[in-house]
Amino acid sequence: MAYEMKPGQGSAFPNENKKEDWHADFRGRVMLPDGKIHWLDVSNRRTKDGKSYITVKIGNECQGGQPVYSAAHKPFPAQTEHDRAKANGFQELDSDVPF
C-alpha cells in the first residue's frame, strides 16, 4: 500500500536545489485539515544569540493536489505484501496457521 497523506500531515525532504542561504533547507507538501494540499518550506535558522530554531512556511495550494512521496516528488513503486516483508527482514510463514 502506498503512503497516503492525511489531513494535518505532510512531508518535507532535503532541498537538493538550494543555492542561496534564504532558500528552504527542506521542501515538501502538507495537507491542511480541509483536505487541500499546499507547498511546505522548512528551514533551520539561528537567533542573534546563536540559538537554533526551525521556520515553517505554508505556500500556495498545489495544482492537481498530488501528494509528495519522495524527494523527487514521484510516487514510490507499488509493493506487494511479500516485498514489504522481505525488505523488513521477515521470512514468509506458512499460511495454514490454525489460529
PDB file of N, CA and C in Angstrom:
ATOM      1  N   MET A   1       0.839  -1.170   0.000  1.00  0.00           N
ATOM      2  CA  MET A   1       0.000   0.000   0.000  1.00  0.00           C
ATOM      3  C   MET A   1       0.888   1.238   0.000  1.00  0.00           C
ATOM      4  N   ALA A   2       0.615   2.166  -0.861  1.00  0.00           N
ATOM      5  CA  ALA A   2       1.393   3.394  -0.964  1.00  0.00           C
ATOM      6  C   ALA A   2       1.013   4.351   0.164  1.00  0.00           C
ATOM      7  N   TYR A   3       1.924   5.217   0.492  1.00  0.00           N
ATOM      8  CA  TYR A   3       1.693   6.239   1.509  1.00  0.00           C
ATOM      9  C   TYR A   3       0.548   7.134   1.084  1.00  0.00           C
ATOM     10  N   GLU A   4      -0.378   7.393   1.994  1.00  0.00           N
ATOM     11  CA  GLU A   4      -1.463   8.327   1.729  1.00  0.00           C
ATOM     12  C   GLU A   4      -1.396   9.450   2.743  1.00  0.00           C
ATOM     13  N   MET A   5      -1.312  10.664   2.244  1.00  0.00           N
ATOM     14  CA  MET A   5      -1.279  11.823   3.115  1.00  0.00           C
ATOM     15  C   MET A   5      -2.657  12.005   3.744  1.00  0.00           C
ATOM     16  N   LYS A   6      -2.674  12.352   5.023  1.00  0.00           N
ATOM     17  CA  LYS A   6      -3.929  12.558   5.744  1.00  0.00           C
ATOM     18  C   LYS A   6      -4.022  14.025   6.154  1.00  0.00           C
ATOM     19  N   PRO A   7      -5.242  14.548   6.370  1.00  0.00           N
ATOM     20  CA  PRO A   7      -5.380  15.944   6.805  1.00  0.00           C
ATOM     21  C   PRO A   7      -4.543  16.228   8.049  1.00  0.00           C
ATOM     22  N   GLY A   8      -3.835  17.345   8.029  1.00  0.00           N
ATOM     23  CA  GLY A   8      -2.986  17.740   9.139  1.00  0.00           C
ATOM     24  C   GLY A   8      -1.597  17.138   9.097  1.00  0.00           C
ATOM     25  N   GLN A   9      -1.264  16.417   8.024  1.00  0.00           N
ATOM     26  CA  GLN A   9       0.048  15.785   7.913  1.00  0.00           C
ATOM     27  C   GLN A   9       0.755  16.229   6.637  1.00  0.00           C
ATOM     28  N   GLY A  10       2.054  16.070   6.631  1.00  0.00           N
ATOM     29  CA  GLY A  10       2.837  16.395   5.450  1.00  0.00           C
ATOM     30  C   GLY A  10       4.217  15.796   5.550  1.00  0.00           C
ATOM     31  N   SER A  11       5.011  16.037   4.525  1.00  0.00           N
ATOM     32  CA  SER A  11       6.379  15.532   4.468  1.00  0.00           C
ATOM     33  C   SER A  11       7.260  16.591   3.828  1.00  0.00           C
ATOM     34  N   ALA A  12       8.508  16.653   4.290  1.00  0.00           N
ATOM     35  CA  ALA A  12       9.489  17.547   3.687  1.00  0.00           C
ATOM     36  C   ALA A  12      10.789  16.778   3.526  1.00  0.00           C
ATOM     37  N   PHE A  13      11.453  17.021   2.422  1.00  0.00           N
ATOM     38  CA  PHE A  13      12.686  16.322   2.083  1.00  0.00           C
ATOM     39  C   PHE A  13      13.787  17.353   1.828  1.00  0.00           C
ATOM     40  N   PRO A  14      15.051  16.971   1.980  1.00  0.00           N
ATOM     41  CA  PRO A  14      16.131  17.931   1.735  1.00  0.00           C
ATOM     42  C   PRO A  14      15.982  18.604   0.365  1.00  0.00           C
ATOM     43  N   ASN A  15      16.179  19.915   0.350  1.00  0.00           N
ATOM     44  CA  ASN A  15      16.076  20.698  -0.870  1.00  0.00           C
ATOM     45  C   ASN A  15      17.373  20.561  -1.657  1.00  0.00           C
ATOM     46  N   GLU A  16      17.357  19.715  -2.673  1.00  0.00           N
ATOM     47  CA  GLU A  16      18.542  19.465  -3.487  1.00  0.00           C
ATOM     48  C   GLU A  16      18.875  20.637  -4.404  1.00  0.00           C
ATOM     49  N   ASN A  17      17.954  21.603  -4.545  1.00  0.00           N
ATOM     50  CA  ASN A  17      18.168  22.761  -5.416  1.00  0.00           C
ATOM     51  C   ASN A  17      18.545  24.016  -4.639  1.00  0.00           C
ATOM     52  N   LYS A  18      18.871  23.889  -3.357  1.00  0.00           N
ATOM     53  CA  LYS A  18      19.226  25.053  -2.540  1.00  0.00           C
ATOM     54  C   LYS A  18      20.541  25.642  -3.026  1.00  0.00           C
ATOM     55  N   LYS A  19      20.505  26.933  -3.396  1.00  0.00           N
ATOM     56  CA  LYS A  19      21.700  27.606  -3.877  1.00  0.00           C
ATOM     57  C   LYS A  19      22.004  28.870  -3.077  1.00  0.00           C
ATOM     58  N   GLU A  20      20.992  29.443  -2.449  1.00  0.00           N
ATOM     59  CA  GLU A  20      21.145  30.668  -1.668  1.00  0.00           C
ATOM     60  C   GLU A  20      20.801  30.388  -0.207  1.00  0.00           C
ATOM     61  N   ASP A  21      21.348  31.197   0.697  1.00  0.00           N
ATOM     62  CA  ASP A  21      21.067  31.000   2.124  1.00  0.00           C
ATOM     63  C   ASP A  21      19.585  31.115   2.444  1.00  0.00           C
ATOM     64  N   TRP A  22      18.872  31.951   1.714  1.00  0.00           N
ATOM     65  CA  TRP A  22      17.457  32.166   2.023  1.00  0.00           C
ATOM     66  C   TRP A  22      16.558  31.056   1.479  1.00  0.00           C
ATOM     67  N   HIS A  23      17.064  30.156   0.653  1.00  0.00           N
ATOM     68  CA  HIS A  23      16.282  29.026   0.157  1.00  0.00           C
ATOM     69  C   HIS A  23      15.994  28.062   1.296  1.00  0.00           C
ATOM     70  N   ALA A  24      14.860  27.400   1.223  1.00  0.00           N
ATOM     71  CA  ALA A  24      14.473  26.447   2.268  1.00  0.00           C
ATOM     72  C   ALA A  24      15.440  25.266   2.309  1.00  0.00           C
ATOM     73  N   ASP A  25      15.676  24.760   3.528  1.00  0.00           N
ATOM     74  CA  ASP A  25      16.524  23.580   3.690  1.00  0.00           C
ATOM     75  C   ASP A  25      15.772  22.308   3.296  1.00  0.00           C
ATOM     76  N   PHE A  26      14.471  22.305   3.517  1.00  0.00           N
ATOM     77  CA  PHE A  26      13.615  21.167   3.193  1.00  0.00           C
ATOM     78  C   PHE A  26      12.389  21.683   2.455  1.00  0.00           C
ATOM     79  N   ARG A  27      11.901  20.894   1.488  1.00  0.00           N
ATOM     80  CA  ARG A  27      10.698  21.258   0.739  1.00  0.00           C
ATOM     81  C   ARG A  27       9.777  20.055   0.712  1.00  0.00           C
ATOM     82  N   GLY A  28       8.492  20.317   0.640  1.00  0.00           N
ATOM     83  CA  GLY A  28       7.534  19.228   0.580  1.00  0.00           C
ATOM     84  C   GLY A  28       6.127  19.753   0.431  1.00  0.00           C
ATOM     85  N   ARG A  29       5.190  18.960   0.912  1.00  0.00           N
ATOM     86  CA  ARG A  29       3.784  19.316   0.831  1.00  0.00           C
ATOM     87  C   ARG A  29       3.102  18.928   2.129  1.00  0.00           C
ATOM     88  N   VAL A  30       2.030  19.633   2.436  1.00  0.00           N
ATOM     89  CA  VAL A  30       1.249  19.369   3.638  1.00  0.00           C
ATOM     90  C   VAL A  30      -0.234  19.425   3.260  1.00  0.00           C
ATOM     91  N   MET A  31      -1.024  18.521   3.842  1.00  0.00           N
ATOM     92  CA  MET A  31      -2.466  18.543   3.625  1.00  0.00           C
ATOM     93  C   MET A  31      -3.105  19.253   4.817  1.00  0.00           C
ATOM     94  N   LEU A  32      -3.797  20.339   4.539  1.00  0.00           N
ATOM     95  CA  LEU A  32      -4.478  21.084   5.581  1.00  0.00           C
ATOM     96  C   LEU A  32      -5.715  20.315   6.045  1.00  0.00           C
ATOM     97  N   PRO A  33      -6.275  20.673   7.206  1.00  0.00           N
ATOM     98  CA  PRO A  33      -7.455  19.960   7.708  1.00  0.00           C
ATOM     99  C   PRO A  33      -8.642  19.949   6.736  1.00  0.00           C
ATOM    100  N   ASP A  34      -8.714  20.935   5.825  1.00  0.00           N
ATOM    101  CA  ASP A  34      -9.817  20.956   4.859  1.00  0.00           C
ATOM    102  C   ASP A  34      -9.562  20.054   3.646  1.00  0.00           C
ATOM    103  N   GLY A  35      -8.406  19.356   3.625  1.00  0.00           N
ATOM    104  CA  GLY A  35      -8.096  18.424   2.547  1.00  0.00           C
ATOM    105  C   GLY A  35      -7.301  19.021   1.405  1.00  0.00           C
ATOM    106  N   LYS A  36      -7.055  20.327   1.416  1.00  0.00           N
ATOM    107  CA  LYS A  36      -6.271  20.962   0.354  1.00  0.00           C
ATOM    108  C   LYS A  36      -4.781  20.751   0.637  1.00  0.00           C
ATOM    109  N   ILE A  37      -4.020  20.489  -0.429  1.00  0.00           N
ATOM    110  CA  ILE A  37      -2.583  20.240  -0.304  1.00  0.00           C
ATOM    111  C   ILE A  37      -1.821  21.497  -0.720  1.00  0.00           C
ATOM    112  N   HIS A  38      -0.914  21.944   0.174  1.00  0.00           N
ATOM    113  CA  HIS A  38      -0.133  23.152  -0.053  1.00  0.00           C
ATOM    114  C   HIS A  38       1.350  22.829  -0.005  1.00  0.00           C
ATOM    115  N   TRP A  39       2.157  23.697  -0.650  1.00  0.00           N
ATOM    116  CA  TRP A  39       3.605  23.570  -0.603  1.00  0.00           C
ATOM    117  C   TRP A  39       4.076  23.880   0.805  1.00  0.00           C
ATOM    118  N   LEU A  40       5.189  23.267   1.214  1.00  0.00           N
ATOM    119  CA  LEU A  40       5.745  23.437   2.543  1.00  0.00           C
ATOM    120  C   LEU A  40       7.244  23.682   2.426  1.00  0.00           C
ATOM    121  N   ASP A  41       7.733  24.723   3.103  1.00  0.00           N
ATOM    122  CA  ASP A  41       9.163  25.008   3.190  1.00  0.00           C
ATOM    123  C   ASP A  41       9.562  24.978   4.656  1.00  0.00           C
ATOM    124  N   VAL A  42      10.653  24.293   4.970  1.00  0.00           N
ATOM    125  CA  VAL A  42      11.164  24.202   6.341  1.00  0.00           C
ATOM    126  C   VAL A  42      12.634  24.596   6.302  1.00  0.00           C
ATOM    127  N   SER A  43      13.034  25.482   7.230  1.00  0.00           N
ATOM    128  CA  SER A  43      14.419  25.958   7.253  1.00  0.00           C
ATOM    129  C   SER A  43      14.968  25.965   8.667  1.00  0.00           C
ATOM    130  N   ASN A  44      16.253  25.666   8.783  1.00  0.00           N
ATOM    131  CA  ASN A  44      16.979  25.785  10.052  1.00  0.00           C
ATOM    132  C   ASN A  44      17.508  27.213  10.144  1.00  0.00           C
ATOM    133  N   ARG A  45      17.269  27.865  11.272  1.00  0.00           N
ATOM    134  CA  ARG A  45      17.730  29.247  11.458  1.00  0.00           C
ATOM    135  C   ARG A  45      18.378  29.392  12.825  1.00  0.00           C
ATOM    136  N   ARG A  46      19.025  30.544  13.049  1.00  0.00           N
ATOM    137  CA  ARG A  46      19.638  30.872  14.337  1.00  0.00           C
ATOM    138  C   ARG A  46      19.226  32.284  14.744  1.00  0.00           C
ATOM    139  N   THR A  47      18.977  32.472  16.059  1.00  0.00           N
ATOM    140  CA  THR A  47      18.684  33.805  16.580  1.00  0.00           C
ATOM    141  C   THR A  47      19.988  34.588  16.666  1.00  0.00           C
ATOM    142  N   LYS A  48      19.891  35.875  16.987  1.00  0.00           N
ATOM    143  CA  LYS A  48      21.096  36.694  17.157  1.00  0.00           C
ATOM    144  C   LYS A  48      21.949  36.178  18.302  1.00  0.00           C
ATOM    145  N   ASP A  49      21.302  35.499  19.270  1.00  0.00           N
ATOM    146  CA  ASP A  49      22.023  34.923  20.413  1.00  0.00           C
ATOM    147  C   ASP A  49      22.638  33.569  20.080  1.00  0.00           C
ATOM    148  N   GLY A  50      22.415  33.056  18.866  1.00  0.00           N
ATOM    149  CA  GLY A  50      23.000  31.788  18.451  1.00  0.00           C
ATOM    150  C   GLY A  50      22.155  30.563  18.719  1.00  0.00           C
ATOM    151  N   LYS A  51      20.924  30.749  19.216  1.00  0.00           N
ATOM    152  CA  LYS A  51      20.051  29.605  19.464  1.00  0.00           C
ATOM    153  C   LYS A  51      19.404  29.166  18.149  1.00  0.00           C
ATOM    154  N   SER A  52      19.358  27.855  17.939  1.00  0.00           N
ATOM    155  CA  SER A  52      18.773  27.357  16.689  1.00  0.00           C
ATOM    156  C   SER A  52      17.259  27.188  16.829  1.00  0.00           C
ATOM    157  N   TYR A  53      16.555  27.381  15.722  1.00  0.00           N
ATOM    158  CA  TYR A  53      15.119  27.171  15.651  1.00  0.00           C
ATOM    159  C   TYR A  53      14.759  26.804  14.220  1.00  0.00           C
ATOM    160  N   ILE A  54      13.534  26.379  14.024  1.00  0.00           N
ATOM    161  CA  ILE A  54      13.063  25.954  12.709  1.00  0.00           C
ATOM    162  C   ILE A  54      11.922  26.861  12.277  1.00  0.00           C
ATOM    163  N   THR A  55      11.959  27.308  11.017  1.00  0.00           N
ATOM    164  CA  THR A  55      10.846  28.070  10.462  1.00  0.00           C
ATOM    165  C   THR A  55      10.063  27.169   9.507  1.00  0.00           C
ATOM    166  N   VAL A  56       8.759  27.388   9.468  1.00  0.00           N
ATOM    167  CA  VAL A  56       7.878  26.630   8.581  1.00  0.00           C
ATOM    168  C   VAL A  56       7.032  27.624   7.805  1.00  0.00           C
ATOM    169  N   LYS A  57       6.995  27.447   6.500  1.00  0.00           N
ATOM    170  CA  LYS A  57       6.165  28.293   5.639  1.00  0.00           C
ATOM    171  C   LYS A  57       5.238  27.403   4.825  1.00  0.00           C
ATOM    172  N   ILE A  58       3.958  27.741   4.846  1.00  0.00           N
ATOM    173  CA  ILE A  58       2.986  27.023   4.014  1.00  0.00           C
ATOM    174  C   ILE A  58       2.667  27.925   2.845  1.00  0.00           C
ATOM    175  N   GLY A  59       2.900  27.418   1.632  1.00  0.00           N
ATOM    176  CA  GLY A  59       2.730  28.206   0.421  1.00  0.00           C
ATOM    177  C   GLY A  59       1.389  27.993  -0.255  1.00  0.00           C
ATOM    178  N   ASN A  60       1.368  28.295  -1.521  1.00  0.00           N
ATOM    179  CA  ASN A  60       0.144  28.192  -2.322  1.00  0.00           C
ATOM    180  C   ASN A  60      -0.331  26.748  -2.445  1.00  0.00           C
ATOM    181  N   GLU A  61      -1.593  26.605  -2.776  1.00  0.00           N
ATOM    182  CA  GLU A  61      -2.157  25.280  -2.989  1.00  0.00           C
ATOM    183  C   GLU A  61      -1.496  24.628  -4.199  1.00  0.00           C
ATOM    184  N   CYS A  62      -1.191  23.342  -4.078  1.00  0.00           N
ATOM    185  CA  CYS A  62      -0.572  22.600  -5.170  1.00  0.00           C
ATOM    186  C   CYS A  62      -1.587  22.369  -6.279  1.00  0.00           C
ATOM    187  N   GLN A  63      -1.158  22.546  -7.487  1.00  0.00           N
ATOM    188  CA  GLN A  63      -2.032  22.285  -8.627  1.00  0.00           C
ATOM    189  C   GLN A  63      -2.204  20.789  -8.792  1.00  0.00           C
ATOM    190  N   GLY A  64      -3.412  20.325  -8.885  1.00  0.00           N
ATOM    191  CA  GLY A  64      -3.680  18.904  -9.038  1.00  0.00           C
ATOM    192  C   GLY A  64      -3.753  18.172  -7.714  1.00  0.00           C
ATOM    193  N   GLY A  65      -3.261  18.778  -6.633  1.00  0.00           N
ATOM    194  CA  GLY A  65      -3.369  18.207  -5.305  1.00  0.00           C
ATOM    195  C   GLY A  65      -2.652  16.897  -5.091  1.00  0.00           C
ATOM    196  N   GLN A  66      -1.635  16.608  -5.879  1.00  0.00           N
ATOM    197  CA  GLN A  66      -0.924  15.338  -5.734  1.00  0.00           C
ATOM    198  C   GLN A  66       0.035  15.401  -4.560  1.00  0.00           C
ATOM    199  N   PRO A  67      -0.003  14.419  -3.652  1.00  0.00           N
ATOM    200  CA  PRO A  67       0.903  14.430  -2.514  1.00  0.00           C
ATOM    201  C   PRO A  67       2.326  14.047  -2.897  1.00  0.00           C
ATOM    202  N   VAL A  68       3.264  14.436  -2.061  1.00  0.00           N
ATOM    203  CA  VAL A  68       4.674  14.102  -2.251  1.00  0.00           C
ATOM    204  C   VAL A  68       4.944  12.728  -1.670  1.00  0.00           C
ATOM    205  N   TYR A  69       5.654  11.905  -2.390  1.00  0.00           N
ATOM    206  CA  TYR A  69       6.010  10.580  -1.909  1.00  0.00           C
ATOM    207  C   TYR A  69       7.501  10.429  -1.704  1.00  0.00           C
ATOM    208  N   SER A  70       8.297  11.244  -2.368  1.00  0.00           N
ATOM    209  CA  SER A  70       9.746  11.131  -2.245  1.00  0.00           C
ATOM    210  C   SER A  70      10.368  12.479  -2.531  1.00  0.00           C
ATOM    211  N   ALA A  71      11.664  12.563  -2.327  1.00  0.00           N
ATOM    212  CA  ALA A  71      12.370  13.817  -2.573  1.00  0.00           C
ATOM    213  C   ALA A  71      12.254  14.247  -4.023  1.00  0.00           C
ATOM    214  N   ALA A  72      12.074  13.311  -4.914  1.00  0.00           N
ATOM    215  CA  ALA A  72      11.940  13.622  -6.340  1.00  0.00           C
ATOM    216  C   ALA A  72      10.490  13.907  -6.709  1.00  0.00           C
ATOM    217  N   HIS A  73       9.589  13.915  -5.736  1.00  0.00           N
ATOM    218  CA  HIS A  73       8.167  14.181  -5.950  1.00  0.00           C
ATOM    219  C   HIS A  73       7.537  13.175  -6.902  1.00  0.00           C
ATOM    220  N   LYS A  74       7.998  11.937  -6.814  1.00  0.00           N
ATOM    221  CA  LYS A  74       7.433  10.880  -7.643  1.00  0.00           C
ATOM    222  C   LYS A  74       6.888   9.799  -6.718  1.00  0.00           C
ATOM    223  N   PRO A  75       5.798   9.137  -7.103  1.00  0.00           N
ATOM    224  CA  PRO A  75       5.267   8.078  -6.242  1.00  0.00           C
ATOM    225  C   PRO A  75       6.251   6.930  -6.104  1.00  0.00           C
ATOM    226  N   PHE A  76       6.273   6.323  -4.901  1.00  0.00           N
ATOM    227  CA  PHE A  76       7.036   5.109  -4.713  1.00  0.00           C
ATOM    228  C   PHE A  76       6.415   4.021  -5.567  1.00  0.00           C
ATOM    229  N   PRO A  77       7.194   3.090  -6.070  1.00  0.00           N
ATOM    230  CA  PRO A  77       6.605   1.983  -6.825  1.00  0.00           C
ATOM    231  C   PRO A  77       5.755   1.117  -5.902  1.00  0.00           C
ATOM    232  N   ALA A  78       4.690   0.577  -6.436  1.00  0.00           N
ATOM    233  CA  ALA A  78       3.803  -0.274  -5.647  1.00  0.00           C
ATOM    234  C   ALA A  78       4.566  -1.504  -5.175  1.00  0.00           C
ATOM    235  N   GLN A  79       4.328  -1.887  -3.934  1.00  0.00           N
ATOM    236  CA  GLN A  79       4.968  -3.067  -3.380  1.00  0.00           C
ATOM    237  C   GLN A  79       3.906  -4.069  -2.956  1.00  0.00           C
ATOM    238  N   THR A  80       4.238  -5.326  -3.120  1.00  0.00           N
ATOM    239  CA  THR A  80       3.346  -6.372  -2.630  1.00  0.00           C
ATOM    240  C   THR A  80       3.646  -6.608  -1.154  1.00  0.00           C
ATOM    241  N   GLU A  81       2.778  -7.328  -0.492  1.00  0.00           N
ATOM    242  CA  GLU A  81       2.993  -7.678   0.912  1.00  0.00           C
ATOM    243  C   GLU A  81       4.307  -8.453   1.067  1.00  0.00           C
ATOM    244  N   HIS A  82       4.594  -9.320   0.107  1.00  0.00           N
ATOM    245  CA  HIS A  82       5.833 -10.107   0.120  1.00  0.00           C
ATOM    246  C   HIS A  82       7.059  -9.190   0.037  1.00  0.00           C
ATOM    247  N   ASP A  83       7.015  -8.179  -0.846  1.00  0.00           N
ATOM    248  CA  ASP A  83       8.131  -7.247  -0.990  1.00  0.00           C
ATOM    249  C   ASP A  83       8.390  -6.484   0.303  1.00  0.00           C
ATOM    250  N   ARG A  84       7.317  -6.009   0.954  1.00  0.00           N
ATOM    251  CA  ARG A  84       7.472  -5.268   2.200  1.00  0.00           C
ATOM    252  C   ARG A  84       8.047  -6.157   3.301  1.00  0.00           C
ATOM    253  N   ALA A  85       7.572  -7.388   3.399  1.00  0.00           N
ATOM    254  CA  ALA A  85       8.068  -8.310   4.422  1.00  0.00           C
ATOM    255  C   ALA A  85       9.546  -8.617   4.192  1.00  0.00           C
ATOM    256  N   LYS A  86       9.920  -8.832   2.940  1.00  0.00           N
ATOM    257  CA  LYS A  86      11.312  -9.143   2.605  1.00  0.00           C
ATOM    258  C   LYS A  86      12.214  -7.951   2.933  1.00  0.00           C
ATOM    259  N   ALA A  87      11.749  -6.746   2.619  1.00  0.00           N
ATOM    260  CA  ALA A  87      12.537  -5.541   2.890  1.00  0.00           C
ATOM    261  C   ALA A  87      12.727  -5.328   4.386  1.00  0.00           C
ATOM    262  N   ASN A  88      11.764  -5.762   5.191  1.00  0.00           N
ATOM    263  CA  ASN A  88      11.850  -5.600   6.636  1.00  0.00           C
ATOM    264  C   ASN A  88      12.545  -6.767   7.314  1.00  0.00           C
ATOM    265  N   GLY A  89      13.040  -7.739   6.553  1.00  0.00           N
ATOM    266  CA  GLY A  89      13.785  -8.845   7.107  1.00  0.00           C
ATOM    267  C   GLY A  89      12.933  -9.983   7.643  1.00  0.00           C
ATOM    268  N   PHE A  90      11.666 -10.005   7.299  1.00  0.00           N
ATOM    269  CA  PHE A  90      10.795 -11.081   7.753  1.00  0.00           C
ATOM    270  C   PHE A  90      10.810 -12.207   6.728  1.00  0.00           C
ATOM    271  N   GLN A  91      10.705 -13.410   7.222  1.00  0.00           N
ATOM    272  CA  GLN A  91      10.609 -14.528   6.304  1.00  0.00           C
ATOM    273  C   GLN A  91       9.143 -14.937   6.179  1.00  0.00           C
ATOM    274  N   GLU A  92       8.824 -15.527   5.065  1.00  0.00           N
ATOM    275  CA  GLU A  92       7.448 -15.950   4.844  1.00  0.00           C
ATOM    276  C   GLU A  92       7.074 -17.067   5.806  1.00  0.00           C
ATOM    277  N   LEU A  93       5.840 -16.996   6.283  1.00  0.00           N
ATOM    278  CA  LEU A  93       5.314 -18.013   7.182  1.00  0.00           C
ATOM    279  C   LEU A  93       4.275 -18.843   6.459  1.00  0.00           C
ATOM    280  N   ASP A  94       4.072 -20.046   6.921  1.00  0.00           N
ATOM    281  CA  ASP A  94       3.060 -20.919   6.356  1.00  0.00           C
ATOM    282  C   ASP A  94       1.682 -20.290   6.567  1.00  0.00           C
ATOM    283  N   SER A  95       0.887 -20.232   5.523  1.00  0.00           N
ATOM    284  CA  SER A  95      -0.427 -19.585   5.630  1.00  0.00           C
ATOM    285  C   SER A  95      -1.471 -20.501   6.257  1.00  0.00           C
ATOM    286  N   ASP A  96      -1.127 -21.741   6.607  1.00  0.00           N
ATOM    287  CA  ASP A  96      -2.074 -22.672   7.208  1.00  0.00           C
ATOM    288  C   ASP A  96      -2.020 -22.627   8.737  1.00  0.00           C
ATOM    289  N   VAL A  97      -1.772 -21.463   9.292  1.00  0.00           N
ATOM    290  CA  VAL A  97      -1.729 -21.335  10.743  1.00  0.00           C
ATOM    291  C   VAL A  97      -3.146 -21.511  11.277  1.00  0.00           C
ATOM    292  N   PRO A  98      -3.366 -22.389  12.295  1.00  0.00           N
ATOM    293  CA  PRO A  98      -4.716 -22.694  12.748  1.00  0.00           C
ATOM    294  C   PRO A  98      -5.371 -21.626  13.626  1.00  0.00           C
ATOM    295  N   PHE A  99      -4.744 -20.527  13.890  1.00  0.00           N
ATOM    296  CA  PHE A  99      -5.386 -19.510  14.730  1.00  0.00           C
ATOM    297  C   PHE A  99      -5.373 -18.168  14.075  1.00  0.00           C
TER     298      PHE A  99
END
